[in-house]
N, C-alpha and C. Protein backbone atom coordinates (compact mmCIF):
# COMPACT_ATOMS: atom_id res chain seq x y z
N MET A 1 -24.20 15.35 -8.90
CA MET A 1 -24.18 16.20 -7.75
C MET A 1 -22.95 15.95 -6.90
N GLY A 2 -22.72 14.73 -6.47
CA GLY A 2 -21.54 14.43 -5.66
C GLY A 2 -21.82 14.44 -4.17
N ARG A 3 -20.86 14.00 -3.45
CA ARG A 3 -20.97 13.93 -1.99
C ARG A 3 -20.70 15.29 -1.36
N SER A 4 -21.25 15.46 -0.17
CA SER A 4 -20.91 16.65 0.59
C SER A 4 -19.51 16.45 1.18
N PRO A 5 -18.83 17.53 1.54
CA PRO A 5 -17.48 17.38 2.10
C PRO A 5 -17.48 16.47 3.32
N CYS A 6 -16.37 15.77 3.52
CA CYS A 6 -16.30 14.81 4.62
C CYS A 6 -16.23 15.51 5.98
N CYS A 7 -15.82 16.77 6.00
CA CYS A 7 -15.69 17.46 7.28
C CYS A 7 -15.72 18.97 7.07
N GLU A 8 -15.84 19.68 8.15
CA GLU A 8 -15.76 21.13 8.13
C GLU A 8 -14.29 21.49 8.18
N LYS A 9 -13.72 21.85 7.03
CA LYS A 9 -12.28 22.06 6.92
C LYS A 9 -11.74 23.11 7.88
N ALA A 10 -12.55 24.10 8.24
CA ALA A 10 -12.07 25.20 9.08
C ALA A 10 -11.75 24.75 10.51
N HIS A 11 -12.38 23.70 10.98
CA HIS A 11 -12.21 23.27 12.37
C HIS A 11 -11.54 21.92 12.50
N THR A 12 -10.60 21.60 11.62
CA THR A 12 -9.92 20.32 11.71
C THR A 12 -8.43 20.52 11.89
N ASN A 13 -7.82 19.59 12.62
CA ASN A 13 -6.37 19.59 12.76
C ASN A 13 -5.76 18.98 11.52
N LYS A 14 -4.61 19.48 11.16
CA LYS A 14 -3.87 18.91 10.04
C LYS A 14 -2.47 18.60 10.54
N GLY A 15 -1.77 17.75 9.80
CA GLY A 15 -0.40 17.45 10.19
C GLY A 15 -0.30 16.27 11.13
N ALA A 16 0.78 16.26 11.90
CA ALA A 16 1.09 15.12 12.77
C ALA A 16 0.02 14.88 13.82
N TRP A 17 -0.21 13.60 14.08
CA TRP A 17 -1.14 13.20 15.13
C TRP A 17 -0.42 13.22 16.47
N THR A 18 -1.14 13.60 17.52
CA THR A 18 -0.57 13.57 18.87
C THR A 18 -0.86 12.21 19.50
N LYS A 19 -0.14 11.89 20.57
CA LYS A 19 -0.38 10.63 21.29
C LYS A 19 -1.81 10.61 21.84
N GLU A 20 -2.31 11.75 22.28
CA GLU A 20 -3.67 11.83 22.82
C GLU A 20 -4.71 11.52 21.73
N GLU A 21 -4.50 12.07 20.53
CA GLU A 21 -5.42 11.79 19.43
C GLU A 21 -5.38 10.30 19.07
N ASP A 22 -4.19 9.73 19.01
CA ASP A 22 -4.06 8.30 18.73
C ASP A 22 -4.83 7.49 19.77
N GLN A 23 -4.66 7.82 21.03
CA GLN A 23 -5.33 7.08 22.12
C GLN A 23 -6.85 7.20 22.01
N ARG A 24 -7.35 8.39 21.68
CA ARG A 24 -8.80 8.58 21.52
C ARG A 24 -9.32 7.70 20.39
N LEU A 25 -8.59 7.69 19.27
CA LEU A 25 -9.02 6.88 18.13
C LEU A 25 -8.99 5.40 18.46
N ILE A 26 -7.92 4.94 19.08
CA ILE A 26 -7.79 3.53 19.46
C ILE A 26 -8.91 3.13 20.41
N GLU A 27 -9.15 3.95 21.42
CA GLU A 27 -10.17 3.65 22.43
C GLU A 27 -11.56 3.62 21.80
N TYR A 28 -11.85 4.58 20.94
CA TYR A 28 -13.16 4.61 20.30
C TYR A 28 -13.38 3.35 19.46
N ILE A 29 -12.38 2.97 18.67
CA ILE A 29 -12.53 1.79 17.82
C ILE A 29 -12.58 0.51 18.66
N ARG A 30 -11.85 0.48 19.77
CA ARG A 30 -11.90 -0.69 20.66
C ARG A 30 -13.32 -0.89 21.20
N ILE A 31 -13.98 0.19 21.55
CA ILE A 31 -15.33 0.11 22.12
C ILE A 31 -16.39 -0.09 21.05
N HIS A 32 -16.33 0.70 19.98
CA HIS A 32 -17.40 0.72 18.98
C HIS A 32 -17.08 -0.05 17.70
N GLY A 33 -15.82 -0.39 17.49
CA GLY A 33 -15.44 -1.07 16.26
C GLY A 33 -15.32 -0.10 15.11
N GLU A 34 -14.81 -0.61 13.99
CA GLU A 34 -14.72 0.22 12.78
C GLU A 34 -16.12 0.37 12.23
N GLY A 35 -16.41 1.52 11.71
CA GLY A 35 -17.75 1.74 11.18
C GLY A 35 -17.77 2.89 10.23
N CYS A 36 -18.63 3.82 10.49
CA CYS A 36 -18.78 4.99 9.64
C CYS A 36 -17.68 5.99 9.97
N TRP A 37 -16.71 6.08 9.08
CA TRP A 37 -15.56 6.95 9.31
C TRP A 37 -15.95 8.43 9.28
N ARG A 38 -17.02 8.77 8.56
CA ARG A 38 -17.45 10.17 8.49
C ARG A 38 -17.95 10.68 9.83
N SER A 39 -18.62 9.83 10.59
CA SER A 39 -19.17 10.28 11.88
C SER A 39 -18.22 10.02 13.05
N LEU A 40 -17.21 9.21 12.85
CA LEU A 40 -16.29 8.83 13.93
C LEU A 40 -15.59 10.02 14.59
N PRO A 41 -15.01 10.96 13.84
CA PRO A 41 -14.25 12.03 14.50
C PRO A 41 -15.06 12.79 15.54
N LYS A 42 -16.27 13.16 15.18
CA LYS A 42 -17.11 13.91 16.12
C LYS A 42 -17.47 13.04 17.32
N ALA A 43 -17.84 11.80 17.08
CA ALA A 43 -18.22 10.89 18.16
C ALA A 43 -17.05 10.58 19.09
N ALA A 44 -15.83 10.55 18.53
CA ALA A 44 -14.64 10.25 19.34
C ALA A 44 -14.03 11.51 19.95
N GLY A 45 -14.58 12.68 19.61
CA GLY A 45 -14.04 13.92 20.13
C GLY A 45 -12.73 14.34 19.47
N LEU A 46 -12.60 14.01 18.20
CA LEU A 46 -11.39 14.36 17.45
C LEU A 46 -11.67 15.49 16.48
N LEU A 47 -10.74 16.41 16.34
CA LEU A 47 -10.87 17.48 15.36
C LEU A 47 -10.10 17.09 14.09
N ARG A 48 -10.50 15.98 13.54
CA ARG A 48 -9.90 15.44 12.31
C ARG A 48 -11.03 15.08 11.36
N CYS A 49 -10.73 14.90 10.09
CA CYS A 49 -11.76 14.43 9.17
C CYS A 49 -11.78 12.90 9.19
N GLY A 50 -12.86 12.32 8.72
CA GLY A 50 -13.01 10.87 8.73
C GLY A 50 -11.94 10.15 7.93
N LYS A 51 -11.56 10.73 6.80
CA LYS A 51 -10.53 10.11 5.96
C LYS A 51 -9.21 10.03 6.72
N SER A 52 -8.87 11.10 7.42
CA SER A 52 -7.63 11.13 8.19
C SER A 52 -7.65 10.05 9.28
N CYS A 53 -8.80 9.90 9.95
CA CYS A 53 -8.94 8.88 10.99
C CYS A 53 -8.80 7.48 10.41
N ARG A 54 -9.46 7.25 9.27
CA ARG A 54 -9.40 5.94 8.62
C ARG A 54 -7.96 5.59 8.22
N LEU A 55 -7.27 6.52 7.59
CA LEU A 55 -5.90 6.26 7.15
C LEU A 55 -4.96 6.06 8.34
N ARG A 56 -5.15 6.84 9.41
CA ARG A 56 -4.31 6.69 10.60
C ARG A 56 -4.49 5.30 11.19
N TRP A 57 -5.73 4.84 11.27
CA TRP A 57 -6.02 3.51 11.83
C TRP A 57 -5.44 2.42 10.93
N ILE A 58 -5.74 2.47 9.66
CA ILE A 58 -5.34 1.41 8.73
C ILE A 58 -3.82 1.31 8.60
N ASN A 59 -3.15 2.45 8.50
CA ASN A 59 -1.72 2.44 8.20
C ASN A 59 -0.79 2.47 9.42
N TYR A 60 -1.30 2.86 10.61
CA TYR A 60 -0.40 3.01 11.74
C TYR A 60 -0.87 2.38 13.05
N LEU A 61 -2.15 2.39 13.32
CA LEU A 61 -2.60 2.03 14.67
C LEU A 61 -3.20 0.64 14.83
N ARG A 62 -3.56 -0.02 13.74
CA ARG A 62 -4.16 -1.35 13.87
C ARG A 62 -3.24 -2.26 14.66
N PRO A 63 -3.80 -3.05 15.58
CA PRO A 63 -2.95 -3.92 16.40
C PRO A 63 -2.26 -5.05 15.62
N ASP A 64 -2.78 -5.42 14.46
CA ASP A 64 -2.19 -6.53 13.71
C ASP A 64 -1.09 -6.09 12.74
N LEU A 65 -0.70 -4.82 12.76
CA LEU A 65 0.35 -4.36 11.85
C LEU A 65 1.72 -4.80 12.33
N LYS A 66 2.55 -5.19 11.37
CA LYS A 66 3.95 -5.53 11.68
C LYS A 66 4.76 -4.25 11.72
N ARG A 67 5.70 -4.21 12.61
CA ARG A 67 6.61 -3.07 12.69
C ARG A 67 8.00 -3.54 12.33
N GLY A 68 8.82 -2.66 11.85
CA GLY A 68 10.20 -3.01 11.61
C GLY A 68 10.50 -3.40 10.18
N ASN A 69 11.69 -3.88 10.00
CA ASN A 69 12.21 -4.20 8.67
C ASN A 69 11.50 -5.39 8.05
N PHE A 70 11.52 -5.41 6.73
CA PHE A 70 10.99 -6.55 5.99
C PHE A 70 12.01 -7.69 6.06
N THR A 71 11.51 -8.90 6.13
CA THR A 71 12.40 -10.07 6.16
C THR A 71 12.78 -10.45 4.74
N ASP A 72 13.79 -11.30 4.61
CA ASP A 72 14.19 -11.80 3.29
C ASP A 72 13.04 -12.56 2.64
N GLU A 73 12.28 -13.30 3.44
CA GLU A 73 11.13 -14.05 2.91
C GLU A 73 10.08 -13.09 2.34
N GLU A 74 9.83 -11.98 3.07
CA GLU A 74 8.86 -11.00 2.58
C GLU A 74 9.36 -10.36 1.28
N ASP A 75 10.67 -10.08 1.21
CA ASP A 75 11.25 -9.53 -0.02
C ASP A 75 10.96 -10.46 -1.20
N GLU A 76 11.23 -11.74 -1.01
CA GLU A 76 11.02 -12.71 -2.09
C GLU A 76 9.55 -12.81 -2.48
N LEU A 77 8.65 -12.77 -1.49
CA LEU A 77 7.22 -12.82 -1.79
C LEU A 77 6.78 -11.58 -2.56
N ILE A 78 7.27 -10.42 -2.17
CA ILE A 78 6.91 -9.19 -2.87
C ILE A 78 7.37 -9.27 -4.33
N ILE A 79 8.59 -9.74 -4.55
CA ILE A 79 9.11 -9.87 -5.92
C ILE A 79 8.26 -10.87 -6.70
N LYS A 80 7.94 -11.99 -6.09
CA LYS A 80 7.14 -13.02 -6.74
C LYS A 80 5.76 -12.49 -7.13
N PHE A 81 5.08 -11.85 -6.16
CA PHE A 81 3.74 -11.35 -6.44
C PHE A 81 3.76 -10.17 -7.41
N HIS A 82 4.81 -9.35 -7.35
CA HIS A 82 4.91 -8.23 -8.29
C HIS A 82 5.09 -8.76 -9.71
N SER A 83 5.82 -9.85 -9.88
CA SER A 83 5.99 -10.42 -11.22
C SER A 83 4.67 -10.95 -11.77
N LEU A 84 3.78 -11.40 -10.87
CA LEU A 84 2.48 -11.91 -11.29
C LEU A 84 1.44 -10.81 -11.46
N LEU A 85 1.46 -9.82 -10.56
CA LEU A 85 0.37 -8.85 -10.48
C LEU A 85 0.74 -7.44 -10.92
N GLY A 86 2.03 -7.16 -11.03
CA GLY A 86 2.42 -5.78 -11.33
C GLY A 86 2.24 -4.91 -10.09
N ASN A 87 1.86 -3.66 -10.31
CA ASN A 87 1.74 -2.71 -9.21
C ASN A 87 0.38 -2.76 -8.51
N LYS A 88 -0.15 -3.92 -8.30
CA LYS A 88 -1.42 -4.10 -7.59
C LYS A 88 -1.10 -4.27 -6.10
N TRP A 89 -0.73 -3.15 -5.46
CA TRP A 89 -0.19 -3.20 -4.10
C TRP A 89 -1.17 -3.76 -3.08
N SER A 90 -2.47 -3.48 -3.23
CA SER A 90 -3.43 -3.99 -2.24
C SER A 90 -3.57 -5.51 -2.36
N LEU A 91 -3.48 -6.05 -3.58
CA LEU A 91 -3.53 -7.51 -3.75
C LEU A 91 -2.28 -8.16 -3.15
N ILE A 92 -1.14 -7.51 -3.35
CA ILE A 92 0.11 -8.03 -2.78
C ILE A 92 0.05 -7.97 -1.26
N ALA A 93 -0.45 -6.85 -0.71
CA ALA A 93 -0.56 -6.69 0.74
C ALA A 93 -1.48 -7.74 1.36
N GLY A 94 -2.47 -8.16 0.61
CA GLY A 94 -3.38 -9.20 1.09
C GLY A 94 -2.68 -10.53 1.33
N ARG A 95 -1.53 -10.73 0.71
CA ARG A 95 -0.77 -11.97 0.87
C ARG A 95 0.35 -11.83 1.90
N LEU A 96 0.56 -10.62 2.44
CA LEU A 96 1.60 -10.39 3.45
C LEU A 96 0.93 -9.86 4.72
N PRO A 97 0.50 -10.74 5.60
CA PRO A 97 -0.22 -10.31 6.80
C PRO A 97 0.58 -9.28 7.60
N GLY A 98 -0.13 -8.23 8.02
CA GLY A 98 0.49 -7.21 8.85
C GLY A 98 1.17 -6.10 8.08
N ARG A 99 1.19 -6.16 6.77
CA ARG A 99 1.82 -5.12 5.95
C ARG A 99 0.74 -4.39 5.16
N THR A 100 0.89 -3.09 5.02
CA THR A 100 -0.11 -2.31 4.28
C THR A 100 0.33 -2.13 2.83
N ASP A 101 -0.64 -1.85 1.97
CA ASP A 101 -0.33 -1.66 0.56
C ASP A 101 0.62 -0.48 0.36
N ASN A 102 0.42 0.59 1.10
CA ASN A 102 1.28 1.76 0.96
C ASN A 102 2.70 1.46 1.43
N GLU A 103 2.83 0.71 2.50
CA GLU A 103 4.14 0.34 3.03
C GLU A 103 4.90 -0.53 2.02
N ILE A 104 4.20 -1.47 1.40
CA ILE A 104 4.82 -2.36 0.41
C ILE A 104 5.22 -1.57 -0.83
N LYS A 105 4.34 -0.68 -1.29
CA LYS A 105 4.67 0.15 -2.46
C LYS A 105 5.92 0.99 -2.19
N ASN A 106 5.97 1.63 -1.03
CA ASN A 106 7.14 2.45 -0.70
C ASN A 106 8.40 1.61 -0.59
N TYR A 107 8.27 0.43 0.00
CA TYR A 107 9.42 -0.46 0.14
C TYR A 107 9.91 -0.93 -1.24
N TRP A 108 8.97 -1.25 -2.12
CA TRP A 108 9.33 -1.65 -3.49
C TRP A 108 10.13 -0.54 -4.16
N ASN A 109 9.60 0.68 -4.11
CA ASN A 109 10.23 1.79 -4.83
C ASN A 109 11.56 2.23 -4.24
N THR A 110 11.77 2.05 -2.93
CA THR A 110 13.01 2.52 -2.31
C THR A 110 14.07 1.44 -2.12
N HIS A 111 13.67 0.17 -2.06
CA HIS A 111 14.64 -0.88 -1.78
C HIS A 111 14.70 -1.98 -2.84
N ILE A 112 13.58 -2.64 -3.06
CA ILE A 112 13.59 -3.84 -3.91
C ILE A 112 13.93 -3.50 -5.36
N LYS A 113 13.35 -2.44 -5.87
CA LYS A 113 13.61 -2.04 -7.26
C LYS A 113 15.11 -1.84 -7.49
N ARG A 114 15.75 -1.14 -6.57
CA ARG A 114 17.20 -0.91 -6.67
C ARG A 114 17.99 -2.20 -6.58
N LYS A 115 17.54 -3.08 -5.68
CA LYS A 115 18.22 -4.37 -5.52
C LYS A 115 18.15 -5.17 -6.81
N LEU A 116 16.98 -5.20 -7.45
CA LEU A 116 16.82 -5.93 -8.71
C LEU A 116 17.71 -5.33 -9.80
N ILE A 117 17.71 -4.01 -9.89
CA ILE A 117 18.54 -3.35 -10.92
C ILE A 117 20.01 -3.67 -10.71
N SER A 118 20.47 -3.66 -9.44
CA SER A 118 21.88 -3.96 -9.18
C SER A 118 22.23 -5.41 -9.52
N ARG A 119 21.23 -6.29 -9.53
CA ARG A 119 21.44 -7.69 -9.92
C ARG A 119 21.29 -7.90 -11.42
N GLY A 120 20.99 -6.81 -12.15
CA GLY A 120 20.82 -6.92 -13.60
C GLY A 120 19.44 -7.41 -13.99
N ILE A 121 18.46 -7.22 -13.13
CA ILE A 121 17.09 -7.67 -13.40
C ILE A 121 16.23 -6.43 -13.64
N ASP A 122 15.41 -6.47 -14.70
CA ASP A 122 14.50 -5.37 -14.99
C ASP A 122 13.32 -5.45 -14.01
N PRO A 123 13.08 -4.42 -13.18
CA PRO A 123 12.01 -4.49 -12.20
C PRO A 123 10.60 -4.47 -12.80
N GLN A 124 10.47 -4.09 -14.07
CA GLN A 124 9.16 -4.11 -14.72
C GLN A 124 8.83 -5.48 -15.28
N THR A 125 9.79 -6.08 -15.97
CA THR A 125 9.53 -7.36 -16.63
C THR A 125 10.01 -8.54 -15.82
N HIS A 126 10.88 -8.28 -14.84
CA HIS A 126 11.49 -9.33 -14.01
C HIS A 126 12.38 -10.26 -14.82
N GLY A 127 12.77 -9.80 -15.98
CA GLY A 127 13.71 -10.54 -16.82
C GLY A 127 15.06 -9.86 -16.78
N PRO A 128 16.03 -10.40 -17.52
CA PRO A 128 17.36 -9.78 -17.53
C PRO A 128 17.28 -8.38 -18.13
N ARG A 129 18.06 -7.49 -17.53
CA ARG A 129 18.14 -6.11 -18.04
C ARG A 129 19.14 -6.07 -19.17
N ASN A 130 18.74 -5.48 -20.28
CA ASN A 130 19.67 -5.27 -21.37
C ASN A 130 19.28 -3.99 -22.10
N GLU A 131 20.09 -3.56 -23.05
CA GLU A 131 19.84 -2.31 -23.76
C GLU A 131 18.48 -2.33 -24.47
N LYS A 132 18.13 -3.48 -25.07
CA LYS A 132 16.88 -3.57 -25.82
C LYS A 132 15.69 -3.33 -24.89
N THR A 133 15.71 -3.96 -23.70
CA THR A 133 14.62 -3.80 -22.74
C THR A 133 14.51 -2.35 -22.31
N THR A 134 15.66 -1.72 -22.01
CA THR A 134 15.66 -0.33 -21.58
C THR A 134 15.12 0.57 -22.68
N THR A 135 15.51 0.31 -23.92
CA THR A 135 15.04 1.12 -25.05
C THR A 135 13.55 0.98 -25.22
N ILE A 136 13.03 -0.24 -25.13
CA ILE A 136 11.58 -0.47 -25.27
C ILE A 136 10.85 0.28 -24.17
N SER A 137 11.33 0.20 -22.93
CA SER A 137 10.67 0.88 -21.83
C SER A 137 10.63 2.38 -22.05
N LYS A 138 11.76 2.96 -22.51
CA LYS A 138 11.81 4.40 -22.75
C LYS A 138 10.88 4.79 -23.90
N THR A 139 10.86 3.99 -24.96
CA THR A 139 10.00 4.27 -26.10
C THR A 139 8.55 4.19 -25.69
N THR A 140 8.19 3.17 -24.93
CA THR A 140 6.82 3.00 -24.46
C THR A 140 6.39 4.19 -23.62
N ALA A 141 7.26 4.62 -22.71
CA ALA A 141 6.94 5.75 -21.85
C ALA A 141 6.79 7.03 -22.66
N ALA A 142 7.64 7.22 -23.66
CA ALA A 142 7.62 8.44 -24.45
C ALA A 142 6.39 8.52 -25.35
N THR A 143 5.98 7.38 -25.93
CA THR A 143 4.87 7.39 -26.87
C THR A 143 3.53 7.18 -26.18
N GLY A 144 3.55 6.72 -24.95
CA GLY A 144 2.30 6.43 -24.26
C GLY A 144 1.66 5.15 -24.72
N ALA A 145 2.40 4.34 -25.47
CA ALA A 145 1.87 3.07 -25.96
C ALA A 145 1.64 2.12 -24.80
N ALA A 146 0.79 1.16 -25.01
CA ALA A 146 0.50 0.18 -23.96
C ALA A 146 1.75 -0.60 -23.62
N LYS A 147 1.90 -0.91 -22.35
CA LYS A 147 3.04 -1.70 -21.91
C LYS A 147 2.86 -3.15 -22.38
N PRO A 148 3.97 -3.87 -22.57
CA PRO A 148 3.85 -5.26 -23.03
C PRO A 148 3.00 -6.12 -22.11
N ASN A 149 2.99 -5.84 -20.81
CA ASN A 149 2.25 -6.67 -19.86
C ASN A 149 0.93 -6.02 -19.45
N ALA A 150 0.38 -5.15 -20.29
CA ALA A 150 -0.82 -4.41 -19.93
C ALA A 150 -2.03 -5.32 -19.75
N ASN A 151 -2.04 -6.48 -20.41
CA ASN A 151 -3.19 -7.38 -20.30
C ASN A 151 -2.95 -8.49 -19.28
N ARG A 152 -2.27 -8.17 -18.20
CA ARG A 152 -2.00 -9.16 -17.16
C ARG A 152 -3.28 -9.67 -16.53
N VAL A 153 -3.23 -10.87 -16.03
CA VAL A 153 -4.34 -11.41 -15.26
C VAL A 153 -4.29 -10.76 -13.89
N THR A 154 -5.39 -10.16 -13.44
CA THR A 154 -5.37 -9.49 -12.15
C THR A 154 -6.01 -10.32 -11.05
N GLN A 155 -6.73 -11.37 -11.40
CA GLN A 155 -7.29 -12.24 -10.38
C GLN A 155 -6.63 -13.60 -10.51
N LEU A 156 -5.99 -14.01 -9.43
CA LEU A 156 -5.30 -15.28 -9.45
C LEU A 156 -5.75 -16.12 -8.28
N ASN A 157 -5.56 -17.40 -8.38
CA ASN A 157 -5.90 -18.29 -7.30
C ASN A 157 -4.67 -18.44 -6.40
N PHE A 158 -4.76 -17.94 -5.17
CA PHE A 158 -3.62 -17.94 -4.26
C PHE A 158 -3.74 -19.03 -3.19
N GLU A 159 -4.56 -20.03 -3.42
CA GLU A 159 -4.78 -21.06 -2.40
C GLU A 159 -3.49 -21.70 -1.91
N ASN A 160 -2.58 -21.98 -2.81
CA ASN A 160 -1.35 -22.70 -2.43
C ASN A 160 -0.11 -21.81 -2.43
N THR A 161 -0.30 -20.54 -2.07
CA THR A 161 0.84 -19.62 -2.07
C THR A 161 1.00 -18.92 -0.72
N SER A 162 0.80 -19.66 0.35
CA SER A 162 0.96 -19.06 1.68
C SER A 162 2.44 -18.78 1.92
N PRO A 163 2.76 -17.78 2.77
CA PRO A 163 4.15 -17.40 2.99
C PRO A 163 5.04 -18.52 3.52
N ASP A 164 4.48 -19.56 4.15
CA ASP A 164 5.33 -20.61 4.70
C ASP A 164 5.71 -21.67 3.67
N GLN A 165 5.35 -21.49 2.43
CA GLN A 165 5.74 -22.48 1.42
C GLN A 165 6.99 -22.07 0.72
């Protein structure tokens, strides 16, 4: 059967959030805390769907989010964790306080990947880039065959991998 729609699409705002909408969401969550995102918009007096409110809070409005450029230390941690976990952005974000999974993914794709390539490092394998590696990657993509690292371990013990080490 499936779930009913999260909101009445005809009566919702789409697009950019206004400062007033942000303030309403922040104030509502400050008073009531995070909870049922489906009922929050109506209770907070917002003409948005619950998913939109949740994503706005998680990715932009939370008070513990870091703003601004990534540090060199964060770059190195992202590279390190990507070599261990692959594209498991939420697991990587869990090790970088104040950064969201979406922010890290976008940063990887627009900055770090290019930096690694310019250094002669393959961003998929984290090894040296050479013709053979490039050919294997293209062949794998074309045939749909499993990637060499498809059986990576996805749960690791991160007890001794805090950012200050």
